[in-house]
Amino acid sequence: MIYIVMGVSGCGKTTLGNSLSEKLGWPMHEGDDYHPDENIKKMARGEPLTDQDRLPWLLKLHDVIMRVRSARCDAIVVCSALKQLYRQILLYGTRALSPSCPDCAVPGVFFLFLYGDYDLIHQRLVDRRGHFMGADLLRSQFAALEPPTGEENALALDIRKSIPDIVTEIEEHLLSFKS
């Protein structure tokens, strides 16, 4: 099983990923660690990333997901995955850029979509220290966001809930999936 924790910057992806990793004993792969230096510098300057900027990053994360699946291991991947195309790239790599790519979910890979109100997330970003992604880029993330559709393996999680409550909801999902 692979859980991809997704959502806009500041929604709590890394916090949830760390909690899940600790609770389930699964390794976590932090998407920010796979960004090319130029992407980090661009975001630090307050410039939104383009699809072209994101492609090499998404392909690196696709490789991580494929390695984990090939090893038949469990893992957590933290990645904004804002657009449906980005999620397809995570699942299918460069095949997602082809018109013949299947538009479907991959068994055993689920997206955990953290959603919440702009004002709440903006305040979290204002309060956050030491991260390259500033609050001034949040609007561009909301503008790019395409929430997962019913055809995608996705679990929508409201960030107004506490992290322990969200982890419990995910554990229930995991139990229902494995039974």
Protein backbone atom coordinates (compact mmCIF):
# COMPACT_ATOMS: atom_id res chain seq x y z
CA MET A 1 0.00 0.00 0.00
CA ILE A 2 1.21 3.48 -0.83
CA TYR A 3 -0.48 6.57 0.55
CA ILE A 4 0.28 9.81 -1.29
CA VAL A 5 -0.51 12.71 1.04
CA MET A 6 -1.56 15.61 -1.17
CA GLY A 7 -2.90 19.17 -1.01
CA VAL A 8 -1.81 22.78 -1.17
CA SER A 9 1.20 24.05 0.74
CA GLY A 10 0.47 24.53 4.43
CA CYS A 11 -2.39 22.03 4.64
CA GLY A 12 -0.36 19.70 6.88
CA LYS A 13 1.00 17.10 4.45
CA THR A 14 4.37 16.64 6.16
CA THR A 15 2.89 16.68 9.66
CA LEU A 16 0.35 14.02 8.68
CA GLY A 17 2.97 12.02 6.76
CA ASN A 18 5.27 11.97 9.78
CA SER A 19 2.41 10.92 12.08
CA LEU A 20 1.34 8.15 9.72
CA SER A 21 4.91 6.97 9.28
CA GLU A 22 5.34 6.73 13.04
CA LYS A 23 1.95 5.09 13.64
CA LEU A 24 2.12 2.56 10.78
CA GLY A 25 5.88 2.02 10.76
CA TRP A 26 6.04 2.84 7.05
CA PRO A 27 8.86 4.90 5.52
CA MET A 28 7.97 8.41 4.39
CA HIS A 29 9.29 10.06 1.26
CA GLU A 30 9.07 13.87 1.53
CA GLY A 31 8.35 15.35 -1.90
CA ASP A 32 10.17 18.59 -1.10
CA ASP A 33 13.41 16.60 -0.86
CA TYR A 34 13.11 15.69 -4.56
CA HIS A 35 12.66 19.22 -5.93
CA PRO A 36 15.49 20.45 -8.16
CA ASP A 37 17.40 23.36 -6.58
CA GLU A 38 16.04 25.74 -9.21
CA ASN A 39 12.44 24.96 -8.18
CA ILE A 40 13.24 25.70 -4.54
CA LYS A 41 14.98 28.97 -5.47
CA LYS A 42 12.05 29.96 -7.67
CA MET A 43 9.49 29.34 -4.93
CA ALA A 44 11.69 31.11 -2.37
CA ARG A 45 11.60 34.15 -4.68
CA GLY A 46 7.79 33.99 -4.60
CA GLU A 47 7.44 32.67 -8.16
CA PRO A 48 4.89 29.90 -8.78
CA LEU A 49 6.14 26.76 -10.49
CA THR A 50 4.95 25.92 -13.98
CA ASP A 51 3.94 22.49 -15.23
CA GLN A 52 7.33 22.34 -16.94
CA ASP A 53 9.09 23.11 -13.65
CA ARG A 54 7.18 20.36 -11.88
CA LEU A 55 7.66 17.60 -14.47
CA PRO A 56 11.21 16.46 -13.47
CA TRP A 57 10.17 16.53 -9.81
CA LEU A 58 7.04 14.47 -10.44
CA LEU A 59 9.03 11.97 -12.48
CA LYS A 60 11.51 11.52 -9.62
CA LEU A 61 8.60 10.82 -7.28
CA HIS A 62 7.12 8.41 -9.85
CA ASP A 63 10.43 6.51 -9.72
CA VAL A 64 10.19 6.37 -5.91
CA ILE A 65 6.64 5.02 -6.11
CA MET A 66 7.66 2.41 -8.70
CA ARG A 67 10.61 1.25 -6.56
CA VAL A 68 8.34 0.87 -3.54
CA ARG A 69 5.71 -1.02 -5.57
CA SER A 70 8.36 -3.27 -7.15
CA ALA A 71 9.69 -4.11 -3.69
CA ARG A 72 6.09 -4.82 -2.57
CA CYS A 73 6.55 -2.50 0.39
CA ASP A 74 4.29 0.00 2.11
CA ALA A 75 5.18 3.70 2.07
CA ILE A 76 3.97 7.23 2.45
CA VAL A 77 4.80 9.84 -0.18
CA VAL A 78 4.20 13.52 0.51
CA CYS A 79 3.52 15.55 -2.64
CA SER A 80 1.17 18.43 -3.45
CA ALA A 81 -0.18 16.56 -6.53
CA LEU A 82 -2.39 19.54 -7.26
CA LYS A 83 -3.63 18.59 -10.72
CA GLN A 84 -5.06 15.37 -12.07
CA LEU A 85 -2.24 15.29 -14.64
CA TYR A 86 0.32 15.46 -11.83
CA ARG A 87 -1.33 12.53 -10.08
CA GLN A 88 -1.31 10.58 -13.35
CA ILE A 89 2.42 11.34 -13.76
CA LEU A 90 3.02 10.03 -10.24
CA LEU A 91 1.26 6.82 -11.22
CA TYR A 92 2.32 6.37 -14.86
CA GLY A 93 5.42 8.52 -15.40
CA THR A 94 5.89 9.88 -18.92
CA ARG A 95 3.10 7.59 -20.16
CA ALA A 96 0.70 10.07 -18.53
CA LEU A 97 1.69 12.62 -21.19
CA SER A 98 0.43 10.34 -23.96
CA PRO A 99 -3.20 10.39 -25.13
CA SER A 100 -3.31 6.59 -24.76
CA CYS A 101 -2.49 6.65 -21.04
CA PRO A 102 -5.16 4.93 -18.97
CA ASP A 103 -7.17 7.43 -16.94
CA CYS A 104 -7.60 5.21 -13.94
CA ALA A 105 -6.29 4.46 -10.49
CA VAL A 106 -3.48 2.06 -9.66
CA PRO A 107 -4.36 -0.71 -7.19
CA GLY A 108 -2.75 -0.23 -3.80
CA VAL A 109 -1.97 3.48 -4.33
CA PHE A 110 -4.28 5.95 -2.61
CA PHE A 111 -4.27 9.73 -2.49
CA LEU A 112 -4.99 11.32 0.88
CA PHE A 113 -6.39 14.71 -0.11
CA LEU A 114 -6.02 17.25 2.69
CA TYR A 115 -8.48 20.06 2.08
CA GLY A 116 -9.34 23.19 3.96
CA ASP A 117 -10.28 26.83 3.90
CA TYR A 118 -7.92 29.34 2.27
CA ASP A 119 -7.84 31.61 5.34
CA LEU A 120 -6.93 28.77 7.72
CA ILE A 121 -4.14 27.52 5.46
CA HIS A 122 -2.88 31.04 4.77
CA GLN A 123 -2.56 31.66 8.50
CA ARG A 124 -0.62 28.42 8.90
CA LEU A 125 1.80 29.55 6.18
CA VAL A 126 2.20 32.99 7.78
CA ASP A 127 3.05 31.28 11.09
CA ARG A 128 5.41 28.70 9.52
CA ARG A 129 9.14 29.35 9.79
CA GLY A 130 12.10 27.97 7.87
CA HIS A 131 10.30 26.74 4.75
CA PHE A 132 11.02 27.96 1.22
CA MET A 133 7.33 28.17 0.28
CA GLY A 134 5.85 31.46 1.40
CA ALA A 135 2.24 32.45 2.00
CA ASP A 136 2.32 34.68 -1.09
CA LEU A 137 2.21 31.57 -3.33
CA LEU A 138 -0.90 30.05 -1.75
CA ARG A 139 -3.33 31.69 -4.20
CA SER A 140 -1.46 30.13 -7.13
CA GLN A 141 -1.72 26.71 -5.45
CA PHE A 142 -5.47 27.07 -4.93
CA ALA A 143 -5.81 28.25 -8.55
CA ALA A 144 -3.98 25.14 -9.81
CA LEU A 145 -5.78 22.70 -7.47
CA GLU A 146 -7.96 20.07 -9.12
CA PRO A 147 -9.41 17.98 -6.29
CA PRO A 148 -9.38 14.23 -6.96
CA THR A 149 -12.40 12.85 -8.79
CA GLY A 150 -14.45 9.78 -7.98
CA GLU A 151 -12.40 7.73 -10.47
CA GLU A 152 -9.19 8.30 -8.51
CA ASN A 153 -8.32 6.27 -5.42
CA ALA A 154 -8.66 9.19 -3.03
CA LEU A 155 -9.75 9.82 0.52
CA ALA A 156 -10.72 13.44 1.28
CA LEU A 157 -9.65 14.59 4.74
CA ASP A 158 -10.77 17.83 6.39
CA ILE A 159 -7.81 19.66 7.97
CA ARG A 160 -10.05 21.22 10.63
CA LYS A 161 -9.82 17.83 12.36
CA SER A 162 -6.87 17.06 14.59
CA ILE A 163 -3.97 15.02 13.23
CA PRO A 164 -4.80 12.09 15.57
CA ASP A 165 -8.42 12.11 14.29
CA ILE A 166 -7.23 12.17 10.67
CA VAL A 167 -4.79 9.32 11.37
CA THR A 168 -7.67 7.30 12.89
CA GLU A 169 -9.75 7.93 9.75
CA ILE A 170 -6.87 6.68 7.59
CA GLU A 171 -6.36 3.61 9.80
CA GLU A 172 -10.05 2.79 9.34
CA HIS A 173 -9.61 3.15 5.59
CA LEU A 174 -6.56 0.87 5.68
CA LEU A 175 -8.45 -1.78 7.70
CA SER A 176 -11.42 -1.69 5.31
CA PHE A 177 -9.07 -1.98 2.33
CA LYS A 178 -7.17 -4.95 3.75
CA SER A 179 -10.28 -6.85 4.83
